[in-house]
C-alpha atoms as a PDB file:
ATOM      1  CA  MET A   1     -41.465   0.441  16.972  1.00  0.00           C
ATOM      2  CA  LYS A   2     -39.328   2.963  18.856  1.00  0.00           C
ATOM      3  CA  LYS A   3     -36.791   0.232  19.469  1.00  0.00           C
ATOM      4  CA  LEU A   4     -36.649  -0.623  15.775  1.00  0.00           C
ATOM      5  CA  THR A   5     -36.231   3.041  14.875  1.00  0.00           C
ATOM      6  CA  MET A   6     -33.297   3.229  17.281  1.00  0.00           C
ATOM      7  CA  VAL A   7     -31.743   0.178  15.591  1.00  0.00           C
ATOM      8  CA  LEU A   8     -32.002   1.948  12.226  1.00  0.00           C
ATOM      9  CA  VAL A   9     -30.258   5.035  13.595  1.00  0.00           C
ATOM     10  CA  VAL A  10     -27.463   2.962  15.135  1.00  0.00           C
ATOM     11  CA  LEU A  11     -26.940   1.072  11.872  1.00  0.00           C
ATOM     12  CA  LEU A  12     -26.752   4.308   9.897  1.00  0.00           C
ATOM     13  CA  LEU A  13     -24.300   5.944  12.287  1.00  0.00           C
ATOM     14  CA  GLY A  14     -22.212   2.781  12.472  1.00  0.00           C
ATOM     15  CA  THR A  15     -22.007   2.566   8.696  1.00  0.00           C
ATOM     16  CA  PHE A  16     -20.678   6.103   8.302  1.00  0.00           C
ATOM     17  CA  PHE A  17     -18.314   5.686  11.253  1.00  0.00           C
ATOM     18  CA  VAL A  18     -16.715   2.552   9.787  1.00  0.00           C
ATOM     19  CA  THR A  19     -16.675   4.037   6.298  1.00  0.00           C
ATOM     20  CA  GLY A  20     -15.033   7.209   7.543  1.00  0.00           C
ATOM     21  CA  SER A  21     -12.380   5.175   9.349  1.00  0.00           C
ATOM     22  CA  ALA A  22     -11.652   3.183   6.191  1.00  0.00           C
ATOM     23  CA  MET A  23     -11.294   6.378   4.176  1.00  0.00           C
ATOM     24  CA  ALA A  24      -8.949   7.926   6.713  1.00  0.00           C
ATOM     25  CA  LEU A  25      -6.789   4.845   6.991  1.00  0.00           C
ATOM     26  CA  LEU A  26      -5.761   3.849   3.506  1.00  0.00           C
ATOM     27  CA  ILE A  27      -6.870   5.958   0.605  1.00  0.00           C
ATOM     28  CA  ASN A  28      -4.576   8.354  -1.291  1.00  0.00           C
ATOM     29  CA  ASP A  29      -5.950  10.586  -4.029  1.00  0.00           C
ATOM     30  CA  ARG A  30      -5.425   8.973  -7.418  1.00  0.00           C
ATOM     31  CA  PRO A  31      -4.669   9.051 -10.292  1.00  0.00           C
ATOM     32  CA  VAL A  32      -1.408  10.998 -10.413  1.00  0.00           C
ATOM     33  CA  THR A  33      -0.170  12.428 -13.699  1.00  0.00           C
ATOM     34  CA  LEU A  34       3.399  11.282 -14.252  1.00  0.00           C
ATOM     35  CA  GLY A  35       6.071  13.552 -15.659  1.00  0.00           C
ATOM     36  CA  SER A  36       8.813  12.505 -18.062  1.00  0.00           C
ATOM     37  CA  SER A  37      12.613  12.477 -17.995  1.00  0.00           C
ATOM     38  CA  ASN A  38      15.591  11.116 -19.879  1.00  0.00           C
ATOM     39  CA  GLU A  39      15.697   8.127 -17.534  1.00  0.00           C
ATOM     40  CA  THR A  40      14.042   4.781 -18.202  1.00  0.00           C
ATOM     41  CA  SER A  41      10.304   5.358 -17.733  1.00  0.00           C
ATOM     42  CA  LEU A  42       8.291   3.715 -14.972  1.00  0.00           C
ATOM     43  CA  GLN A  43       6.103   2.075 -17.630  1.00  0.00           C
ATOM     44  CA  THR A  44       9.177   0.424 -19.139  1.00  0.00           C
ATOM     45  CA  ILE A  45      10.242  -0.793 -15.683  1.00  0.00           C
ATOM     46  CA  LEU A  46       6.759  -2.253 -15.084  1.00  0.00           C
ATOM     47  CA  ASP A  47       6.721  -3.911 -18.514  1.00  0.00           C
ATOM     48  CA  THR A  48      10.137  -5.457 -17.851  1.00  0.00           C
ATOM     49  CA  THR A  49       9.048  -6.699 -14.440  1.00  0.00           C
ATOM     50  CA  VAL A  50       5.539  -8.089 -15.049  1.00  0.00           C
ATOM     51  CA  GLY A  51       5.266  -8.150 -18.844  1.00  0.00           C
ATOM     52  CA  THR A  52       3.818  -5.670 -21.314  1.00  0.00           C
ATOM     53  CA  GLY A  53       0.114  -4.960 -20.859  1.00  0.00           C
ATOM     54  CA  ASN A  54      -0.278  -6.316 -17.325  1.00  0.00           C
ATOM     55  CA  ILE A  55       0.079  -3.043 -15.410  1.00  0.00           C
ATOM     56  CA  ASP A  56      -0.654   0.386 -16.863  1.00  0.00           C
ATOM     57  CA  VAL A  57       1.374   3.102 -15.156  1.00  0.00           C
ATOM     58  CA  ASN A  58      -1.598   5.506 -15.171  1.00  0.00           C
ATOM     59  CA  LEU A  59      -4.755   3.394 -15.090  1.00  0.00           C
ATOM     60  CA  ASP A  60      -3.614   0.851 -12.494  1.00  0.00           C
ATOM     61  CA  GLN A  61      -2.408   3.224  -9.779  1.00  0.00           C
ATOM     62  CA  ASN A  62      -3.708   1.941  -6.446  1.00  0.00           C
ATOM     63  CA  GLY A  63      -4.744   4.190  -3.561  1.00  0.00           C
ATOM     64  CA  THR A  64      -3.434   1.816  -0.893  1.00  0.00           C
ATOM     65  CA  ALA A  65      -0.753   3.461   1.251  1.00  0.00           C
ATOM     66  CA  VAL A  66      -0.765   1.233   4.365  1.00  0.00           C
ATOM     67  CA  TRP A  67      -0.568  -2.563   4.487  1.00  0.00           C
ATOM     68  CA  THR A  68      -0.478  -5.556   6.833  1.00  0.00           C
ATOM     69  CA  SER A  69       1.722  -8.631   6.528  1.00  0.00           C
ATOM     70  CA  ASP A  70       0.040 -11.662   4.983  1.00  0.00           C
ATOM     71  CA  ASP A  71       2.414 -14.531   5.700  1.00  0.00           C
ATOM     72  CA  PHE A  72       4.731 -14.894   8.712  1.00  0.00           C
ATOM     73  CA  THR A  73       7.716 -13.990   6.526  1.00  0.00           C
ATOM     74  CA  SER A  74       7.546 -11.247   3.917  1.00  0.00           C
ATOM     75  CA  ASN A  75      10.301 -10.662   1.380  1.00  0.00           C
ATOM     76  CA  ALA A  76      11.045  -7.325  -0.229  1.00  0.00           C
ATOM     77  CA  PHE A  77      12.708  -7.795  -3.610  1.00  0.00           C
ATOM     78  CA  PHE A  78      14.688  -4.842  -4.925  1.00  0.00           C
ATOM     79  CA  ILE A  79      13.965  -4.229  -8.609  1.00  0.00           C
ATOM     80  CA  ALA A  80      15.587  -1.060  -9.846  1.00  0.00           C
ATOM     81  CA  ALA A  81      16.764   2.383  -8.793  1.00  0.00           C
ATOM     82  CA  TYR A  82      17.609   4.680 -11.677  1.00  0.00           C
ATOM     83  CA  ARG A  83      19.997   6.947  -9.790  1.00  0.00           C
ATOM     84  CA  GLY A  84      23.648   6.806  -8.823  1.00  0.00           C
ATOM     85  CA  ASP A  85      22.547   7.502  -5.243  1.00  0.00           C
ATOM     86  CA  LEU A  86      20.135   4.663  -4.579  1.00  0.00           C
ATOM     87  CA  GLY A  87      18.810   5.868  -1.243  1.00  0.00           C
ATOM     88  CA  VAL A  88      17.285   3.733   1.500  1.00  0.00           C
ATOM     89  CA  LEU A  89      13.937   1.923   1.656  1.00  0.00           C
ATOM     90  CA  GLY A  90      12.293   1.984   5.080  1.00  0.00           C
ATOM     91  CA  ILE A  91       9.137   0.814   6.839  1.00  0.00           C
ATOM     92  CA  TYR A  92       7.197   2.610   9.574  1.00  0.00           C
ATOM     93  CA  SER A  93       4.418   1.735  11.994  1.00  0.00           C
ATOM     94  CA  TYR A  94       1.025   3.188  11.123  1.00  0.00           C
ATOM     95  CA  ALA A  95       0.035   3.278  14.810  1.00  0.00           C
ATOM     96  CA  ASP A  96       3.282   4.997  15.842  1.00  0.00           C
ATOM     97  CA  PRO A  97       5.221   6.522  12.883  1.00  0.00           C
ATOM     98  CA  THR A  98       8.217   7.177  15.163  1.00  0.00           C
ATOM     99  CA  LYS A  99       8.805   3.431  15.085  1.00  0.00           C
ATOM    100  CA  LYS A 100      10.591   2.890  11.790  1.00  0.00           C
ATOM    101  CA  TYR A 101      13.291   0.765  10.252  1.00  0.00           C
ATOM    102  CA  ASP A 102      15.767   1.261   7.377  1.00  0.00           C
ATOM    103  CA  PHE A 103      16.287  -1.907   5.343  1.00  0.00           C
ATOM    104  CA  SER A 104      19.670  -3.265   4.291  1.00  0.00           C
ATOM    105  CA  PHE A 105      19.765  -5.332   1.105  1.00  0.00           C
ATOM    106  CA  ASP A 106      22.070  -8.311   0.670  1.00  0.00           C
ATOM    107  CA  SER A 107      24.226  -9.179  -2.326  1.00  0.00           C
ATOM    108  CA  THR A 108      21.186 -10.552  -4.193  1.00  0.00           C
ATOM    109  CA  GLY A 109      19.346  -7.250  -3.814  1.00  0.00           C
ATOM    110  CA  THR A 110      16.796  -8.628  -1.342  1.00  0.00           C
ATOM    111  CA  THR A 111      15.787  -8.224   2.274  1.00  0.00           C
ATOM    112  CA  GLN A 112      13.221  -9.808   4.604  1.00  0.00           C
ATOM    113  CA  PHE A 113      10.906  -8.746   7.395  1.00  0.00           C
ATOM    114  CA  ASN A 114       8.050 -10.191   9.392  1.00  0.00           C
ATOM    115  CA  ILE A 115       5.631  -9.111  12.113  1.00  0.00           C
ATOM    116  CA  ASN A 116       4.412 -11.673  14.637  1.00  0.00           C
ATOM    117  CA  ASP A 117       0.966 -11.919  16.241  1.00  0.00           C
ATOM    118  CA  ALA A 118       2.087  -9.718  19.129  1.00  0.00           C
ATOM    119  CA  GLY A 119       2.887  -6.873  16.722  1.00  0.00           C
ATOM    120  CA  THR A 120       6.673  -7.158  17.039  1.00  0.00           C
ATOM    121  CA  PHE A 121       8.636  -6.318  13.884  1.00  0.00           C
ATOM    122  CA  PHE A 122      11.646  -8.460  12.889  1.00  0.00           C
ATOM    123  CA  SER A 123      14.276  -8.023  10.191  1.00  0.00           C
ATOM    124  CA  GLY A 124      17.359 -10.210  10.543  1.00  0.00           C
ATOM    125  CA  THR A 125      18.521  -9.906  14.143  1.00  0.00           C
ATOM    126  CA  ASP A 126      16.758  -6.544  14.630  1.00  0.00           C
ATOM    127  CA  SER A 127      13.344  -6.172  16.258  1.00  0.00           C
ATOM    128  CA  ILE A 128      10.884  -3.423  17.234  1.00  0.00           C
ATOM    129  CA  VAL A 129       8.348  -4.191  19.977  1.00  0.00           C
ATOM    130  CA  GLY A 130       4.900  -2.614  19.677  1.00  0.00           C
ATOM    131  CA  PHE A 131       5.262  -1.981  15.967  1.00  0.00           C
ATOM    132  CA  GLY A 132       1.714  -3.183  15.261  1.00  0.00           C
ATOM    133  CA  ASP A 133       0.364  -5.021  12.230  1.00  0.00           C
ATOM    134  CA  ALA A 134      -0.236  -1.999   9.948  1.00  0.00           C
ATOM    135  CA  PHE A 135       2.636  -0.241   8.194  1.00  0.00           C
ATOM    136  CA  GLY A 136       3.664   2.074   5.395  1.00  0.00           C
ATOM    137  CA  PHE A 137       6.922   2.544   3.500  1.00  0.00           C
ATOM    138  CA  TYR A 138       9.286   5.433   2.828  1.00  0.00           C
ATOM    139  CA  TRP A 139      12.344   6.061   0.677  1.00  0.00           C
ATOM    140  CA  LYS A 140      15.157   8.346   1.820  1.00  0.00           C
ATOM    141  CA  ASN A 141      17.554  10.003  -0.583  1.00  0.00           C
ATOM    142  CA  THR A 142      20.952   9.479   1.047  1.00  0.00           C
ATOM    143  CA  SER A 143      22.479  12.699  -0.324  1.00  0.00           C
ATOM    144  CA  THR A 144      19.669  15.010   0.840  1.00  0.00           C
ATOM    145  CA  PRO A 145      17.221  15.135   3.784  1.00  0.00           C
ATOM    146  CA  LEU A 146      14.310  14.333   1.462  1.00  0.00           C
ATOM    147  CA  THR A 147      12.027  11.421   2.393  1.00  0.00           C
ATOM    148  CA  SER A 148       9.129  10.127   0.281  1.00  0.00           C
ATOM    149  CA  TYR A 149       6.275   8.325   2.088  1.00  0.00           C
ATOM    150  CA  THR A 150       3.590   6.032   0.716  1.00  0.00           C
ATOM    151  CA  GLU A 151       0.997   8.113   2.624  1.00  0.00           C
ATOM    152  CA  ASP A 152       0.556  11.443   0.859  1.00  0.00           C
ATOM    153  CA  ASP A 153      -0.270  13.348   4.059  1.00  0.00           C
ATOM    154  CA  LYS A 154       3.183  12.540   5.451  1.00  0.00           C
ATOM    155  CA  ASN A 155       4.839  14.366   2.547  1.00  0.00           C
ATOM    156  CA  ASP A 156       5.248  18.136   2.386  1.00  0.00           C
ATOM    157  CA  GLY A 157       2.081  19.679   0.970  1.00  0.00           C
ATOM    158  CA  ASP A 158       0.349  16.276   0.857  1.00  0.00           C
ATOM    159  CA  THR A 159       2.259  15.655  -2.360  1.00  0.00           C
ATOM    160  CA  ALA A 160       2.105  12.209  -3.961  1.00  0.00           C
ATOM    161  CA  LEU A 161       5.675  10.878  -3.864  1.00  0.00           C
ATOM    162  CA  SER A 162       4.971   7.163  -4.103  1.00  0.00           C
ATOM    163  CA  LEU A 163       2.780   5.025  -6.360  1.00  0.00           C
ATOM    164  CA  SER A 164       1.597   1.504  -5.555  1.00  0.00           C
ATOM    165  CA  TYR A 165       0.534  -1.208  -7.985  1.00  0.00           C
ATOM    166  CA  LEU A 166      -1.103  -4.531  -7.101  1.00  0.00           C
ATOM    167  CA  VAL A 167       0.419  -7.515  -8.922  1.00  0.00           C
ATOM    168  CA  GLU A 168      -2.387  -9.949  -9.656  1.00  0.00           C
ATOM    169  CA  ALA A 169      -2.024 -13.646  -8.861  1.00  0.00           C
ATOM    170  CA  GLY A 170      -0.681 -15.668 -11.786  1.00  0.00           C
ATOM    171  CA  THR A 171       1.405 -12.817 -13.173  1.00  0.00           C
ATOM    172  CA  SER A 172       4.889 -13.821 -14.291  1.00  0.00           C
ATOM    173  CA  VAL A 173       7.370 -11.580 -12.465  1.00  0.00           C
ATOM    174  CA  TYR A 174      10.967 -11.011 -13.565  1.00  0.00           C
ATOM    175  CA  LEU A 175      13.288  -9.851 -10.770  1.00  0.00           C
ATOM    176  CA  PRO A 176      16.622  -8.803 -12.302  1.00  0.00           C
ATOM    177  CA  ALA A 177      18.303  -8.016  -8.968  1.00  0.00           C
ATOM    178  CA  PHE A 178      17.196 -11.328  -7.447  1.00  0.00           C
ATOM    179  CA  GLY A 179      19.483 -13.534  -9.521  1.00  0.00           C
ATOM    180  CA  GLY A 180      17.621 -12.627 -12.714  1.00  0.00           C
ATOM    181  CA  SER A 181      14.916 -15.162 -11.885  1.00  0.00           C
ATOM    182  CA  THR A 182      11.300 -15.324 -12.997  1.00  0.00           C
ATOM    183  CA  GLN A 183       8.610 -16.105 -10.432  1.00  0.00           C
ATOM    184  CA  THR A 184       4.817 -16.351 -10.427  1.00  0.00           C
ATOM    185  CA  ALA A 185       2.844 -13.974  -8.206  1.00  0.00           C
ATOM    186  CA  GLU A 186       0.373 -15.667  -5.865  1.00  0.00           C
ATOM    187  CA  GLY A 187      -2.528 -14.565  -3.703  1.00  0.00           C
ATOM    188  CA  ASP A 188      -3.141 -11.004  -4.940  1.00  0.00           C
ATOM    189  CA  ASP A 189      -0.820  -9.761  -2.174  1.00  0.00           C
ATOM    190  CA  ASP A 190       2.318  -8.714  -4.074  1.00  0.00           C
ATOM    191  CA  TRP A 191       2.943  -5.024  -4.775  1.00  0.00           C
ATOM    192  CA  ILE A 192       5.237  -2.735  -6.729  1.00  0.00           C
ATOM    193  CA  LEU A 193       6.175   0.541  -5.016  1.00  0.00           C
ATOM    194  CA  ALA A 194       7.609   3.393  -7.081  1.00  0.00           C
ATOM    195  CA  PHE A 195       9.109   6.486  -5.425  1.00  0.00           C
ATOM    196  CA  GLU A 196       9.842  10.040  -6.559  1.00  0.00           C
ATOM    197  CA  ASP A 197      12.963  11.769  -5.194  1.00  0.00           C
ATOM    198  CA  ARG A 198      11.785  15.394  -5.817  1.00  0.00           C
ATOM    199  CA  LEU A 199      15.315  16.535  -6.724  1.00  0.00           C
ATOM    200  CA  THR A 200      14.614  17.576 -10.298  1.00  0.00           C
ATOM    201  CA  GLY A 201      10.865  18.093 -10.050  1.00  0.00           C
ATOM    202  CA  ASP A 202      10.177  15.744 -12.964  1.00  0.00           C
ATOM    203  CA  PHE A 203       7.869  13.437 -10.939  1.00  0.00           C
ATOM    204  CA  ASP A 204       8.652  10.443 -13.123  1.00  0.00           C
ATOM    205  CA  PHE A 205       8.392   8.037 -10.123  1.00  0.00           C
ATOM    206  CA  ASN A 206      11.245   5.859 -11.376  1.00  0.00           C
ATOM    207  CA  ASP A 207      13.906   6.897  -8.861  1.00  0.00           C
ATOM    208  CA  ALA A 208      13.470   3.786  -6.708  1.00  0.00           C
ATOM    209  CA  VAL A 209      11.201   0.840  -7.522  1.00  0.00           C
ATOM    210  CA  TYR A 210      10.629  -2.134  -5.220  1.00  0.00           C
ATOM    211  CA  TYR A 211       8.718  -5.407  -5.387  1.00  0.00           C
ATOM    212  CA  VAL A 212       7.197  -6.422  -2.028  1.00  0.00           C
ATOM    213  CA  LYS A 213       5.661  -9.846  -1.404  1.00  0.00           C
ATOM    214  CA  ASP A 214       2.888 -11.013   0.902  1.00  0.00           C
ATOM    215  CA  ILE A 215       1.373  -7.773   2.168  1.00  0.00           C
ATOM    216  CA  ASN A 216      -2.333  -6.920   2.196  1.00  0.00           C
ATOM    217  CA  ALA A 217      -4.482  -3.811   2.366  1.00  0.00           C
ATOM    218  CA  PRO A 218      -6.015  -4.231   5.851  1.00  0.00           C
ATOM    219  CA  VAL A 219      -9.577  -2.885   5.468  1.00  0.00           C
ATOM    220  CA  PRO A 220     -12.368  -3.029   2.871  1.00  0.00           C
ATOM    221  CA  GLU A 221     -12.757  -0.135   0.481  1.00  0.00           C
ATOM    222  CA  PRO A 222     -15.192   2.585   1.657  1.00  0.00           C
ATOM    223  CA  ALA A 223     -17.641   1.804  -1.137  1.00  0.00           C
ATOM    224  CA  THR A 224     -17.852  -1.795   0.041  1.00  0.00           C
ATOM    225  CA  MET A 225     -18.595  -0.675   3.591  1.00  0.00           C
ATOM    226  CA  LEU A 226     -21.313   1.685   2.364  1.00  0.00           C
ATOM    227  CA  LEU A 227     -23.000  -1.061   0.363  1.00  0.00           C
ATOM    228  CA  LEU A 228     -22.912  -3.407   3.349  1.00  0.00           C
ATOM    229  CA  GLY A 229     -24.271  -0.754   5.700  1.00  0.00           C
ATOM    230  CA  PHE A 230     -27.106   0.326   3.415  1.00  0.00           C
ATOM    231  CA  GLY A 231     -27.968  -3.325   2.828  1.00  0.00           C
ATOM    232  CA  LEU A 232     -28.401  -3.840   6.570  1.00  0.00           C
ATOM    233  CA  ILE A 233     -30.429  -0.649   6.818  1.00  0.00           C
ATOM    234  CA  GLY A 234     -32.649  -1.826   3.950  1.00  0.00           C
ATOM    235  CA  ILE A 235     -33.326  -5.127   5.697  1.00  0.00           C
ATOM    236  CA  ALA A 236     -34.209  -3.345   8.923  1.00  0.00           C
ATOM    237  CA  GLY A 237     -36.457  -0.915   7.037  1.00  0.00           C
ATOM    238  CA  ALA A 238     -38.333  -3.758   5.362  1.00  0.00           C
ATOM    239  CA  SER A 239     -38.912  -5.374   8.746  1.00  0.00           C
ATOM    240  CA  ARG A 240     -40.248  -2.084  10.115  1.00  0.00           C
ATOM    241  CA  LYS A 241     -42.634  -1.772   7.164  1.00  0.00           C
ATOM    242  CA  LYS A 242     -44.041  -5.226   7.903  1.00  0.00           C
ATOM    243  CA  LEU A 243     -44.701  -4.226  11.496  1.00  0.00           C
ATOM    244  CA  PHE A 244     -46.693  -1.177  10.369  1.00  0.00           C
ATOM    245  CA  LYS A 245     -48.831  -3.390   8.103  1.00  0.00           C
ATOM    246  CA  LYS A 246     -49.674  -5.586  11.073  1.00  0.00           C
END
């Protein structure tokens, strides 16, 4: 019975350890209240991109701030940047944030990257060894030293400066910069990232908006881990109860 009690303790500690790790890794505080400006609203941009009613700018904010690549090649499709100074989209390693890369977009408004099984990052002829399979994004305003990260705790004052939205499989996606084509999202692994530049303090999150294909959130949500852990504990507890009856 002592052995079974020890198993229960280990299961309980393991559950909270894994859950705590999941919380620390991916979750931003949401929802964020958006401000307004004279520019085209983020809701209008979303409606134009994925159709009216598919993504709500407030209700569908996702707490994911770090991703992993899904397919060998991932394509980032530029959608819109409602500023004269467009800034630069970048990617950084979650394991080592000093390893980062600024993307360059071609004439179609697109760029590509991939990460191989060894954790080496590739974009065109450029590569970063030891990048790892988990990454976040940032957007740099090219006229100021301001940088907005997808992880809130990397921004001054833990301020939310980026919003992420999951594009569900089957959604019709219009990409005006990518030849004005319409594509169908697949696999529940496409995302829209919207950044705030902080220059005017309006927090409208429409200063740079990107569509990124084939990236996944790498760990289960904390609630899922808790349910799994307590389920295991319940099974072990039931077994212990049967032993006492014997």
